[in-house]
Structure formats: structure tokens, C-alpha cells
Amino acid sequence: QVQLVESGGGLVQPGGSLRLSCEASGFTFNHYAMSWYRQAPGAGRKLVATITHIGGSTNYDDSVKGRFTISRDDDKNAAYLQMNMLKPEDKAVYYCNAKGRLPAVYGMDYWGKGTPVTVSL
């Protein structure tokens, strides 16, 4: 049974930090690229950051570059999003995503249920 379980969301003041975690199970973690998406109230789901399955190359949306860092620990089957210098516009539900990248799993696409982040005084 495939599971992606996010944690670490919550309420933080502007300028503060949070670290989101995504624990994966039920699939071969290092065959998948991992991403974080977010969905703000009334908006569509948007890609925030991605880390590849080999080499750990990363890519970020312009809105979070220099503030957020995505990482992964293949030994723990986990991905992380370190969020610094948070802004009110970062408020959203954050979702963990796994996309298959090796031929045997290409096209597989898994989602977590999300963790909410609120940035407010």
C-alpha cells in the first residue's frame, strides 16, 4: 500500500521557519522524483520544488528560490522542505508528490493528503 504522509505544517509568524517532512512507504523510494506542491485558498495546486531520483538535482519555483530547500534521505524514505523567511503569501496546504522516473515505474504518480501552513502575526 503506497503512502505519503506529510507533517510539520502549522502556524508561524512572518520571517519564521518550518520544516515539512514526507514519509513514504509502499514503493521503491529512490526510483521516484520527489516534489512539494502547494495550494492556496481559492487557487490551483502549484509546484514549489522538485528533487530528482538520482543525484538529487533540485528545482524551485521563482517565488521560493533562496528561501526554501528541498532534500531527500533515501535511507529513511523521506523528503523534506525547509522553509525559511516565510511570508503571508506562503500560506497554503502543502502536498508531497512522488513521480516514477525509472522505466518500470514511469508514469506512476502518488500524492499525500497535505499539511497546512499558515503565516500570520
C-alpha atoms as a PDB file:
ATOM      1  CA  GLN A   1       0.000   0.000   0.000  1.00  0.00           C
ATOM      2  CA  VAL A   2       1.506   3.276  -1.138  1.00  0.00           C
ATOM      3  CA  GLN A   3       1.523   6.058   1.415  1.00  0.00           C
ATOM      4  CA  LEU A   4       2.927   9.575   1.513  1.00  0.00           C
ATOM      5  CA  VAL A   5       2.429  11.209   4.887  1.00  0.00           C
ATOM      6  CA  GLU A   6       3.254  14.877   5.343  1.00  0.00           C
ATOM      7  CA  SER A   7       3.950  16.524   8.673  1.00  0.00           C
ATOM      8  CA  GLY A   8       5.459  19.691  10.068  1.00  0.00           C
ATOM      9  CA  GLY A   9       2.905  22.254   8.995  1.00  0.00           C
ATOM     10  CA  GLY A  10       1.442  24.803  11.366  1.00  0.00           C
ATOM     11  CA  LEU A  11       1.204  28.461  12.256  1.00  0.00           C
ATOM     12  CA  VAL A  12       4.300  30.630  12.032  1.00  0.00           C
ATOM     13  CA  GLN A  13       4.939  34.354  12.077  1.00  0.00           C
ATOM     14  CA  PRO A  14       6.250  36.170   9.008  1.00  0.00           C
ATOM     15  CA  GLY A  15      10.004  35.700   8.761  1.00  0.00           C
ATOM     16  CA  GLY A  16       9.834  32.411  10.607  1.00  0.00           C
ATOM     17  CA  SER A  17      10.749  28.894   9.522  1.00  0.00           C
ATOM     18  CA  LEU A  18       9.124  25.498   9.213  1.00  0.00           C
ATOM     19  CA  ARG A  19      10.419  22.130   8.090  1.00  0.00           C
ATOM     20  CA  LEU A  20       7.967  19.857   6.321  1.00  0.00           C
ATOM     21  CA  SER A  21       8.550  16.119   6.186  1.00  0.00           C
ATOM     22  CA  CYS A  22       7.135  13.495   3.843  1.00  0.00           C
ATOM     23  CA  GLU A  23       7.434   9.874   4.889  1.00  0.00           C
ATOM     24  CA  ALA A  24       6.993   7.390   2.053  1.00  0.00           C
ATOM     25  CA  SER A  25       6.143   3.709   2.079  1.00  0.00           C
ATOM     26  CA  GLY A  26       4.893   1.037  -0.276  1.00  0.00           C
ATOM     27  CA  PHE A  27       7.156   1.813  -3.237  1.00  0.00           C
ATOM     28  CA  THR A  28      10.843   1.943  -4.114  1.00  0.00           C
ATOM     29  CA  PHE A  29      11.603   5.443  -2.989  1.00  0.00           C
ATOM     30  CA  ASN A  30      14.843   6.013  -4.875  1.00  0.00           C
ATOM     31  CA  HIS A  31      13.112   5.279  -8.192  1.00  0.00           C
ATOM     32  CA  TYR A  32      10.995   8.393  -7.795  1.00  0.00           C
ATOM     33  CA  ALA A  33      11.500  12.106  -8.089  1.00  0.00           C
ATOM     34  CA  MET A  34      10.002  13.913  -5.120  1.00  0.00           C
ATOM     35  CA  SER A  35       8.217  17.230  -5.212  1.00  0.00           C
ATOM     36  CA  TRP A  36       6.352  19.615  -2.988  1.00  0.00           C
ATOM     37  CA  TYR A  37       3.271  21.388  -4.281  1.00  0.00           C
ATOM     38  CA  ARG A  38       1.071  23.904  -2.545  1.00  0.00           C
ATOM     39  CA  GLN A  39      -2.490  25.059  -2.891  1.00  0.00           C
ATOM     40  CA  ALA A  40      -3.540  28.394  -1.513  1.00  0.00           C
ATOM     41  CA  PRO A  41      -7.209  29.117  -0.698  1.00  0.00           C
ATOM     42  CA  GLY A  42      -9.161  29.629  -3.909  1.00  0.00           C
ATOM     43  CA  ALA A  43      -6.185  28.760  -6.119  1.00  0.00           C
ATOM     44  CA  GLY A  44      -4.935  25.763  -8.045  1.00  0.00           C
ATOM     45  CA  ARG A  45      -2.197  23.417  -6.938  1.00  0.00           C
ATOM     46  CA  LYS A  46       1.255  24.766  -7.812  1.00  0.00           C
ATOM     47  CA  LEU A  47       4.672  23.129  -7.978  1.00  0.00           C
ATOM     48  CA  VAL A  48       7.048  24.531  -5.359  1.00  0.00           C
ATOM     49  CA  ALA A  49      10.152  22.370  -5.553  1.00  0.00           C
ATOM     50  CA  THR A  50      11.454  19.119  -7.029  1.00  0.00           C
ATOM     51  CA  ILE A  51      14.399  16.849  -6.290  1.00  0.00           C
ATOM     52  CA  THR A  52      15.442  14.169  -8.739  1.00  0.00           C
ATOM     53  CA  HIS A  53      15.741  10.474  -8.003  1.00  0.00           C
ATOM     54  CA  ILE A  54      19.435  10.311  -8.906  1.00  0.00           C
ATOM     55  CA  GLY A  55      21.968  12.882  -7.922  1.00  0.00           C
ATOM     56  CA  GLY A  56      19.497  14.998  -6.048  1.00  0.00           C
ATOM     57  CA  SER A  57      19.286  17.869  -8.505  1.00  0.00           C
ATOM     58  CA  THR A  58      16.758  20.445  -7.389  1.00  0.00           C
ATOM     59  CA  ASN A  59      14.454  22.945  -8.998  1.00  0.00           C
ATOM     60  CA  TYR A  60      12.340  25.686  -7.420  1.00  0.00           C
ATOM     61  CA  ASP A  61       9.536  27.996  -8.286  1.00  0.00           C
ATOM     62  CA  ASP A  62      10.809  31.560  -8.523  1.00  0.00           C
ATOM     63  CA  SER A  63       8.610  32.614  -5.605  1.00  0.00           C
ATOM     64  CA  VAL A  64      10.551  30.416  -3.149  1.00  0.00           C
ATOM     65  CA  LYS A  65      14.093  30.464  -4.547  1.00  0.00           C
ATOM     66  CA  GLY A  66      16.608  31.369  -1.872  1.00  0.00           C
ATOM     67  CA  ARG A  67      14.107  30.721   0.925  1.00  0.00           C
ATOM     68  CA  PHE A  68      13.059  27.083   0.566  1.00  0.00           C
ATOM     69  CA  THR A  69      15.261  23.994   0.318  1.00  0.00           C
ATOM     70  CA  ILE A  70      14.091  20.558  -0.773  1.00  0.00           C
ATOM     71  CA  SER A  71      16.042  17.478   0.258  1.00  0.00           C
ATOM     72  CA  ARG A  72      15.639  13.731   0.490  1.00  0.00           C
ATOM     73  CA  ASP A  73      17.006  10.862   2.573  1.00  0.00           C
ATOM     74  CA  ASP A  74      16.730   7.654   0.591  1.00  0.00           C
ATOM     75  CA  ASP A  75      17.770   5.582   3.619  1.00  0.00           C
ATOM     76  CA  LYS A  76      14.755   6.888   5.522  1.00  0.00           C
ATOM     77  CA  ASN A  77      12.384   7.017   2.522  1.00  0.00           C
ATOM     78  CA  ALA A  78      11.707  10.636   3.310  1.00  0.00           C
ATOM     79  CA  ALA A  79      11.664  14.023   1.644  1.00  0.00           C
ATOM     80  CA  TYR A  80      11.812  17.402   3.315  1.00  0.00           C
ATOM     81  CA  LEU A  81      11.068  21.040   2.622  1.00  0.00           C
ATOM     82  CA  GLN A  82      12.910  23.552   4.741  1.00  0.00           C
ATOM     83  CA  MET A  83      11.057  26.850   4.552  1.00  0.00           C
ATOM     84  CA  ASN A  84      12.767  29.992   5.785  1.00  0.00           C
ATOM     85  CA  MET A  85      11.810  33.660   5.702  1.00  0.00           C
ATOM     86  CA  LEU A  86       8.172  32.714   5.380  1.00  0.00           C
ATOM     87  CA  LYS A  87       5.744  35.263   4.007  1.00  0.00           C
ATOM     88  CA  PRO A  88       1.972  35.553   4.376  1.00  0.00           C
ATOM     89  CA  GLU A  89       1.642  34.574   0.717  1.00  0.00           C
ATOM     90  CA  ASP A  90       3.247  31.201   1.518  1.00  0.00           C
ATOM     91  CA  LYS A  91       0.063  30.250   3.322  1.00  0.00           C
ATOM     92  CA  ALA A  92      -1.272  27.090   1.686  1.00  0.00           C
ATOM     93  CA  VAL A  93      -1.778  23.400   2.054  1.00  0.00           C
ATOM     94  CA  TYR A  94       1.493  21.704   1.112  1.00  0.00           C
ATOM     95  CA  TYR A  95       1.416  18.368  -0.659  1.00  0.00           C
ATOM     96  CA  CYS A  96       4.128  15.770  -1.147  1.00  0.00           C
ATOM     97  CA  ASN A  97       4.297  14.108  -4.567  1.00  0.00           C
ATOM     98  CA  ALA A  98       6.262  11.153  -5.923  1.00  0.00           C
ATOM     99  CA  LYS A  99       6.687  10.593  -9.667  1.00  0.00           C
ATOM    100  CA  GLY A 100       8.222   7.412 -11.061  1.00  0.00           C
ATOM    101  CA  ARG A 101      11.355   8.039 -13.107  1.00  0.00           C
ATOM    102  CA  LEU A 102      12.826   4.617 -13.853  1.00  0.00           C
ATOM    103  CA  PRO A 103      11.289   2.753 -16.820  1.00  0.00           C
ATOM    104  CA  ALA A 104       9.450   0.205 -14.673  1.00  0.00           C
ATOM    105  CA  VAL A 105       7.617   2.902 -12.742  1.00  0.00           C
ATOM    106  CA  TYR A 106       7.499   5.736 -15.253  1.00  0.00           C
ATOM    107  CA  GLY A 107       4.092   7.404 -15.098  1.00  0.00           C
ATOM    108  CA  MET A 108       3.359   6.371 -11.526  1.00  0.00           C
ATOM    109  CA  ASP A 109       2.240   9.386  -9.542  1.00  0.00           C
ATOM    110  CA  TYR A 110       1.471   9.423  -5.830  1.00  0.00           C
ATOM    111  CA  TRP A 111       0.162  12.166  -3.537  1.00  0.00           C
ATOM    112  CA  GLY A 112      -0.036  12.776   0.157  1.00  0.00           C
ATOM    113  CA  LYS A 113      -3.037  14.324   1.871  1.00  0.00           C
ATOM    114  CA  GLY A 114      -1.297  17.585   2.625  1.00  0.00           C
ATOM    115  CA  THR A 115      -0.233  19.609   5.626  1.00  0.00           C
ATOM    116  CA  PRO A 116      -1.439  23.190   6.180  1.00  0.00           C
ATOM    117  CA  VAL A 117       0.910  26.118   6.621  1.00  0.00           C
ATOM    118  CA  THR A 118      -0.306  29.473   7.908  1.00  0.00           C
ATOM    119  CA  VAL A 119       1.925  32.539   8.064  1.00  0.00           C
ATOM    120  CA  SER A 120       0.408  35.237  10.204  1.00  0.00           C
ATOM    121  CA  LEU A 121       1.085  37.522  13.135  1.00  0.00           C
END
